[in-house]
Amino acid sequence: MNVPLPEGTSAQKYKDVFAETLVSVANRFDPDFVLVSSGFDCLAGDPLGGFLLEPEDLHWMTRRVADYASASCNGRMVAVLEGGYDPKRLGAGTLAVIRALADLEVQGD
């Protein structure tokens, strides 16, 4: 799923649209596995993204997709790094996604 949003979209609005879209997709597909293109340019401070998300938001979204994968395809899910252009934020976002995939709580800085 790819939903274009304007720069500066708040984290809450981003997550609301994400959740609505995930429910819509979940009701239309019966996947064998879920493939996530995990981009980190949506994090606040990224020089290209223009969004306001934090690593905790990526953790939350990854858990929603992992829950969907568990319910629809025995948890078969792959996440692939796609983008992110601030090395510190990229590292924090990656850690948040990995912790979500492992069903661990997100950690702060």
N, C-alpha and C. Protein backbone atom coordinates (compact mmCIF):
# COMPACT_ATOMS: atom_id res chain seq x y z
N MET A 1 0.84 -1.16 0.00
CA MET A 1 0.00 0.00 0.00
C MET A 1 0.89 1.23 0.00
N ASN A 2 0.49 2.21 -0.73
CA ASN A 2 1.22 3.46 -0.81
C ASN A 2 0.18 4.57 -0.81
N VAL A 3 0.20 5.38 0.23
CA VAL A 3 -0.78 6.44 0.38
C VAL A 3 -0.03 7.77 0.43
N PRO A 4 -0.12 8.58 -0.61
CA PRO A 4 0.58 9.87 -0.60
C PRO A 4 0.00 10.80 0.47
N LEU A 5 0.88 11.39 1.25
CA LEU A 5 0.48 12.36 2.27
C LEU A 5 1.36 13.60 2.10
N PRO A 6 0.83 14.77 2.45
CA PRO A 6 1.62 15.99 2.30
C PRO A 6 2.72 16.09 3.36
N GLU A 7 3.79 16.80 3.02
CA GLU A 7 4.84 17.07 3.99
C GLU A 7 4.24 17.71 5.22
N GLY A 8 4.81 17.41 6.38
CA GLY A 8 4.34 18.00 7.62
C GLY A 8 3.16 17.28 8.24
N THR A 9 2.70 16.19 7.63
CA THR A 9 1.60 15.42 8.20
C THR A 9 1.99 14.97 9.60
N SER A 10 1.12 15.19 10.57
CA SER A 10 1.43 14.82 11.95
C SER A 10 1.53 13.30 12.10
N ALA A 11 2.22 12.88 13.14
CA ALA A 11 2.36 11.45 13.41
C ALA A 11 0.98 10.81 13.62
N GLN A 12 0.09 11.51 14.34
CA GLN A 12 -1.22 10.93 14.60
C GLN A 12 -2.03 10.76 13.32
N LYS A 13 -2.01 11.77 12.46
CA LYS A 13 -2.73 11.67 11.18
C LYS A 13 -2.13 10.55 10.33
N TYR A 14 -0.81 10.46 10.30
CA TYR A 14 -0.11 9.42 9.54
C TYR A 14 -0.55 8.04 10.03
N LYS A 15 -0.58 7.86 11.36
CA LYS A 15 -0.97 6.56 11.93
C LYS A 15 -2.45 6.27 11.70
N ASP A 16 -3.29 7.29 11.76
CA ASP A 16 -4.72 7.09 11.49
C ASP A 16 -4.93 6.60 10.05
N VAL A 17 -4.28 7.26 9.09
CA VAL A 17 -4.40 6.85 7.69
C VAL A 17 -3.83 5.45 7.50
N PHE A 18 -2.70 5.18 8.13
CA PHE A 18 -2.08 3.86 8.06
C PHE A 18 -3.05 2.78 8.55
N ALA A 19 -3.64 3.00 9.73
CA ALA A 19 -4.55 2.01 10.31
C ALA A 19 -5.78 1.80 9.42
N GLU A 20 -6.36 2.88 8.91
CA GLU A 20 -7.53 2.76 8.03
C GLU A 20 -7.18 2.00 6.76
N THR A 21 -6.02 2.28 6.20
CA THR A 21 -5.60 1.62 4.96
C THR A 21 -5.30 0.15 5.21
N LEU A 22 -4.66 -0.16 6.33
CA LEU A 22 -4.35 -1.55 6.66
C LEU A 22 -5.63 -2.36 6.80
N VAL A 23 -6.65 -1.81 7.46
CA VAL A 23 -7.92 -2.52 7.60
C VAL A 23 -8.54 -2.75 6.23
N SER A 24 -8.49 -1.75 5.37
CA SER A 24 -9.04 -1.89 4.02
C SER A 24 -8.31 -2.99 3.24
N VAL A 25 -6.99 -3.00 3.32
CA VAL A 25 -6.19 -4.03 2.64
C VAL A 25 -6.46 -5.40 3.23
N ALA A 26 -6.53 -5.47 4.54
CA ALA A 26 -6.73 -6.75 5.21
C ALA A 26 -8.03 -7.42 4.78
N ASN A 27 -9.02 -6.63 4.49
CA ASN A 27 -10.31 -7.19 4.09
C ASN A 27 -10.37 -7.62 2.63
N ARG A 28 -9.34 -7.28 1.84
CA ARG A 28 -9.37 -7.60 0.41
C ARG A 28 -8.37 -8.67 -0.02
N PHE A 29 -7.42 -9.00 0.84
CA PHE A 29 -6.37 -9.92 0.43
C PHE A 29 -6.24 -11.10 1.39
N ASP A 30 -5.73 -12.18 0.88
CA ASP A 30 -5.42 -13.37 1.66
C ASP A 30 -3.97 -13.75 1.32
N PRO A 31 -2.99 -13.05 1.92
CA PRO A 31 -1.61 -13.22 1.48
C PRO A 31 -0.96 -14.51 1.97
N ASP A 32 0.04 -14.96 1.20
CA ASP A 32 0.90 -16.05 1.64
C ASP A 32 1.98 -15.52 2.58
N PHE A 33 2.38 -14.28 2.37
CA PHE A 33 3.33 -13.60 3.24
C PHE A 33 3.16 -12.09 3.05
N VAL A 34 3.73 -11.32 3.96
CA VAL A 34 3.66 -9.87 3.89
C VAL A 34 5.08 -9.34 3.69
N LEU A 35 5.26 -8.50 2.69
CA LEU A 35 6.54 -7.86 2.41
C LEU A 35 6.42 -6.37 2.73
N VAL A 36 7.28 -5.89 3.60
CA VAL A 36 7.25 -4.49 4.00
C VAL A 36 8.47 -3.78 3.45
N SER A 37 8.24 -2.74 2.69
CA SER A 37 9.31 -1.86 2.25
C SER A 37 9.44 -0.79 3.33
N SER A 38 10.39 -0.97 4.21
CA SER A 38 10.49 -0.19 5.44
C SER A 38 11.37 1.04 5.22
N GLY A 39 10.72 2.14 4.89
CA GLY A 39 11.44 3.39 4.66
C GLY A 39 11.48 4.23 5.92
N PHE A 40 12.60 4.90 6.12
CA PHE A 40 12.79 5.69 7.34
C PHE A 40 12.89 7.18 7.05
N ASP A 41 12.64 7.58 5.81
CA ASP A 41 12.66 9.01 5.50
C ASP A 41 11.41 9.71 6.02
N CYS A 42 10.51 8.97 6.61
CA CYS A 42 9.32 9.55 7.23
C CYS A 42 9.61 10.08 8.64
N LEU A 43 10.81 9.79 9.16
CA LEU A 43 11.15 10.23 10.51
C LEU A 43 11.42 11.73 10.55
N ALA A 44 11.00 12.36 11.63
CA ALA A 44 11.27 13.78 11.83
C ALA A 44 12.77 14.02 11.74
N GLY A 45 13.14 15.06 11.03
CA GLY A 45 14.55 15.40 10.89
C GLY A 45 15.22 14.82 9.67
N ASP A 46 14.56 13.90 8.98
CA ASP A 46 15.16 13.36 7.76
C ASP A 46 15.20 14.47 6.71
N PRO A 47 16.34 14.64 6.02
CA PRO A 47 16.44 15.76 5.08
C PRO A 47 15.57 15.65 3.83
N LEU A 48 15.04 14.48 3.54
CA LEU A 48 14.23 14.32 2.32
C LEU A 48 12.74 14.10 2.58
N GLY A 49 12.39 13.54 3.73
CA GLY A 49 11.02 13.09 3.94
C GLY A 49 9.99 14.17 4.21
N GLY A 50 10.30 15.08 5.13
CA GLY A 50 9.35 16.13 5.46
C GLY A 50 8.22 15.69 6.37
N PHE A 51 8.36 14.53 7.02
CA PHE A 51 7.32 14.05 7.93
C PHE A 51 7.77 14.19 9.37
N LEU A 52 6.91 13.84 10.30
CA LEU A 52 7.15 14.12 11.71
C LEU A 52 7.09 12.88 12.58
N LEU A 53 7.32 11.71 12.00
CA LEU A 53 7.23 10.48 12.78
C LEU A 53 8.48 10.28 13.65
N GLU A 54 8.29 9.53 14.72
CA GLU A 54 9.36 9.14 15.63
C GLU A 54 9.53 7.62 15.55
N PRO A 55 10.66 7.11 16.02
CA PRO A 55 10.85 5.65 16.01
C PRO A 55 9.70 4.89 16.67
N GLU A 56 9.12 5.46 17.72
CA GLU A 56 7.99 4.79 18.39
C GLU A 56 6.81 4.61 17.45
N ASP A 57 6.62 5.56 16.54
CA ASP A 57 5.53 5.45 15.56
C ASP A 57 5.80 4.30 14.58
N LEU A 58 7.05 4.14 14.16
CA LEU A 58 7.39 3.02 13.28
C LEU A 58 7.20 1.70 14.00
N HIS A 59 7.53 1.67 15.27
CA HIS A 59 7.31 0.46 16.09
C HIS A 59 5.83 0.13 16.09
N TRP A 60 5.00 1.12 16.36
CA TRP A 60 3.54 0.92 16.41
C TRP A 60 3.02 0.39 15.08
N MET A 61 3.46 1.00 13.97
CA MET A 61 2.99 0.56 12.65
C MET A 61 3.48 -0.86 12.33
N THR A 62 4.71 -1.14 12.67
CA THR A 62 5.25 -2.48 12.41
C THR A 62 4.49 -3.53 13.21
N ARG A 63 4.13 -3.23 14.46
CA ARG A 63 3.35 -4.18 15.26
C ARG A 63 1.98 -4.42 14.62
N ARG A 64 1.35 -3.38 14.07
CA ARG A 64 0.05 -3.56 13.42
C ARG A 64 0.19 -4.50 12.22
N VAL A 65 1.23 -4.32 11.42
CA VAL A 65 1.43 -5.18 10.26
C VAL A 65 1.78 -6.60 10.71
N ALA A 66 2.60 -6.72 11.74
CA ALA A 66 2.96 -8.05 12.26
C ALA A 66 1.72 -8.77 12.79
N ASP A 67 0.84 -8.05 13.45
CA ASP A 67 -0.41 -8.66 13.93
C ASP A 67 -1.25 -9.15 12.75
N TYR A 68 -1.31 -8.34 11.69
CA TYR A 68 -2.03 -8.74 10.48
C TYR A 68 -1.39 -9.99 9.88
N ALA A 69 -0.06 -10.02 9.80
CA ALA A 69 0.64 -11.19 9.25
C ALA A 69 0.38 -12.42 10.10
N SER A 70 0.35 -12.25 11.40
CA SER A 70 0.07 -13.39 12.29
C SER A 70 -1.32 -13.95 12.04
N ALA A 71 -2.28 -13.06 11.85
CA ALA A 71 -3.67 -13.48 11.65
C ALA A 71 -3.92 -14.03 10.25
N SER A 72 -3.17 -13.57 9.25
CA SER A 72 -3.50 -13.93 7.88
C SER A 72 -2.56 -14.93 7.22
N CYS A 73 -1.32 -15.02 7.68
CA CYS A 73 -0.36 -15.89 6.98
C CYS A 73 0.68 -16.49 7.93
N ASN A 74 0.20 -16.88 9.11
CA ASN A 74 1.07 -17.53 10.10
C ASN A 74 2.31 -16.71 10.43
N GLY A 75 2.19 -15.40 10.41
CA GLY A 75 3.28 -14.52 10.80
C GLY A 75 4.39 -14.36 9.79
N ARG A 76 4.19 -14.88 8.60
CA ARG A 76 5.25 -14.77 7.57
C ARG A 76 5.32 -13.32 7.08
N MET A 77 6.43 -12.69 7.43
CA MET A 77 6.60 -11.27 7.12
C MET A 77 8.08 -10.98 6.94
N VAL A 78 8.39 -10.16 5.95
CA VAL A 78 9.76 -9.73 5.68
C VAL A 78 9.75 -8.21 5.60
N ALA A 79 10.72 -7.58 6.26
CA ALA A 79 10.89 -6.13 6.16
C ALA A 79 12.23 -5.85 5.48
N VAL A 80 12.20 -4.97 4.48
CA VAL A 80 13.39 -4.63 3.71
C VAL A 80 13.65 -3.13 3.86
N LEU A 81 14.89 -2.77 4.17
CA LEU A 81 15.26 -1.36 4.29
C LEU A 81 15.11 -0.66 2.95
N GLU A 82 14.43 0.49 2.97
CA GLU A 82 14.16 1.19 1.72
C GLU A 82 14.78 2.57 1.66
N GLY A 83 14.72 3.33 2.72
CA GLY A 83 15.23 4.69 2.66
C GLY A 83 15.35 5.29 4.04
N GLY A 84 15.98 6.41 4.11
CA GLY A 84 16.28 7.12 5.34
C GLY A 84 17.65 7.74 5.18
N TYR A 85 17.73 9.04 5.38
CA TYR A 85 18.94 9.75 4.98
C TYR A 85 19.59 10.54 6.11
N ASP A 86 19.18 10.27 7.33
CA ASP A 86 19.84 10.82 8.51
C ASP A 86 20.33 9.61 9.30
N PRO A 87 21.65 9.37 9.32
CA PRO A 87 22.17 8.13 9.91
C PRO A 87 21.71 7.85 11.34
N LYS A 88 21.65 8.88 12.19
CA LYS A 88 21.22 8.65 13.57
C LYS A 88 19.75 8.23 13.62
N ARG A 89 18.92 8.93 12.88
CA ARG A 89 17.48 8.61 12.86
C ARG A 89 17.25 7.26 12.18
N LEU A 90 18.03 6.97 11.14
CA LEU A 90 17.92 5.68 10.46
C LEU A 90 18.20 4.55 11.44
N GLY A 91 19.25 4.69 12.25
CA GLY A 91 19.58 3.67 13.24
C GLY A 91 18.48 3.49 14.27
N ALA A 92 17.95 4.60 14.77
CA ALA A 92 16.87 4.53 15.77
C ALA A 92 15.61 3.91 15.18
N GLY A 93 15.29 4.28 13.96
CA GLY A 93 14.11 3.71 13.30
C GLY A 93 14.26 2.23 13.03
N THR A 94 15.44 1.84 12.57
CA THR A 94 15.70 0.42 12.30
C THR A 94 15.57 -0.39 13.58
N LEU A 95 16.15 0.11 14.67
CA LEU A 95 16.04 -0.60 15.95
C LEU A 95 14.58 -0.73 16.38
N ALA A 96 13.80 0.32 16.20
CA ALA A 96 12.38 0.26 16.58
C ALA A 96 11.64 -0.80 15.77
N VAL A 97 11.92 -0.88 14.48
CA VAL A 97 11.26 -1.89 13.63
C VAL A 97 11.70 -3.29 14.03
N ILE A 98 12.97 -3.49 14.27
CA ILE A 98 13.46 -4.82 14.67
C ILE A 98 12.84 -5.23 16.00
N ARG A 99 12.77 -4.30 16.94
CA ARG A 99 12.15 -4.61 18.24
C ARG A 99 10.67 -4.96 18.05
N ALA A 100 9.99 -4.27 17.16
CA ALA A 100 8.58 -4.59 16.90
C ALA A 100 8.44 -5.97 16.28
N LEU A 101 9.33 -6.31 15.35
CA LEU A 101 9.28 -7.64 14.73
C LEU A 101 9.53 -8.74 15.75
N ALA A 102 10.35 -8.43 16.75
CA ALA A 102 10.66 -9.41 17.80
C ALA A 102 9.63 -9.36 18.94
N ASP A 103 8.61 -8.53 18.80
CA ASP A 103 7.56 -8.34 19.80
C ASP A 103 8.13 -7.83 21.12
N LEU A 104 9.11 -6.94 21.02
CA LEU A 104 9.71 -6.28 22.18
C LEU A 104 9.25 -4.83 22.21
N GLU A 105 9.22 -4.27 23.40
CA GLU A 105 8.84 -2.86 23.54
C GLU A 105 9.90 -1.98 22.89
N VAL A 106 9.47 -0.82 22.44
CA VAL A 106 10.40 0.15 21.86
C VAL A 106 11.20 0.77 23.00
N GLN A 107 12.44 1.14 22.72
CA GLN A 107 13.28 1.82 23.70
C GLN A 107 13.48 3.25 23.28
N GLY A 108 13.58 4.16 24.27
CA GLY A 108 13.87 5.56 23.97
C GLY A 108 15.34 5.75 23.70
N ASP A 109 15.72 6.99 23.38
CA ASP A 109 17.13 7.29 23.08
C ASP A 109 18.03 7.00 24.24
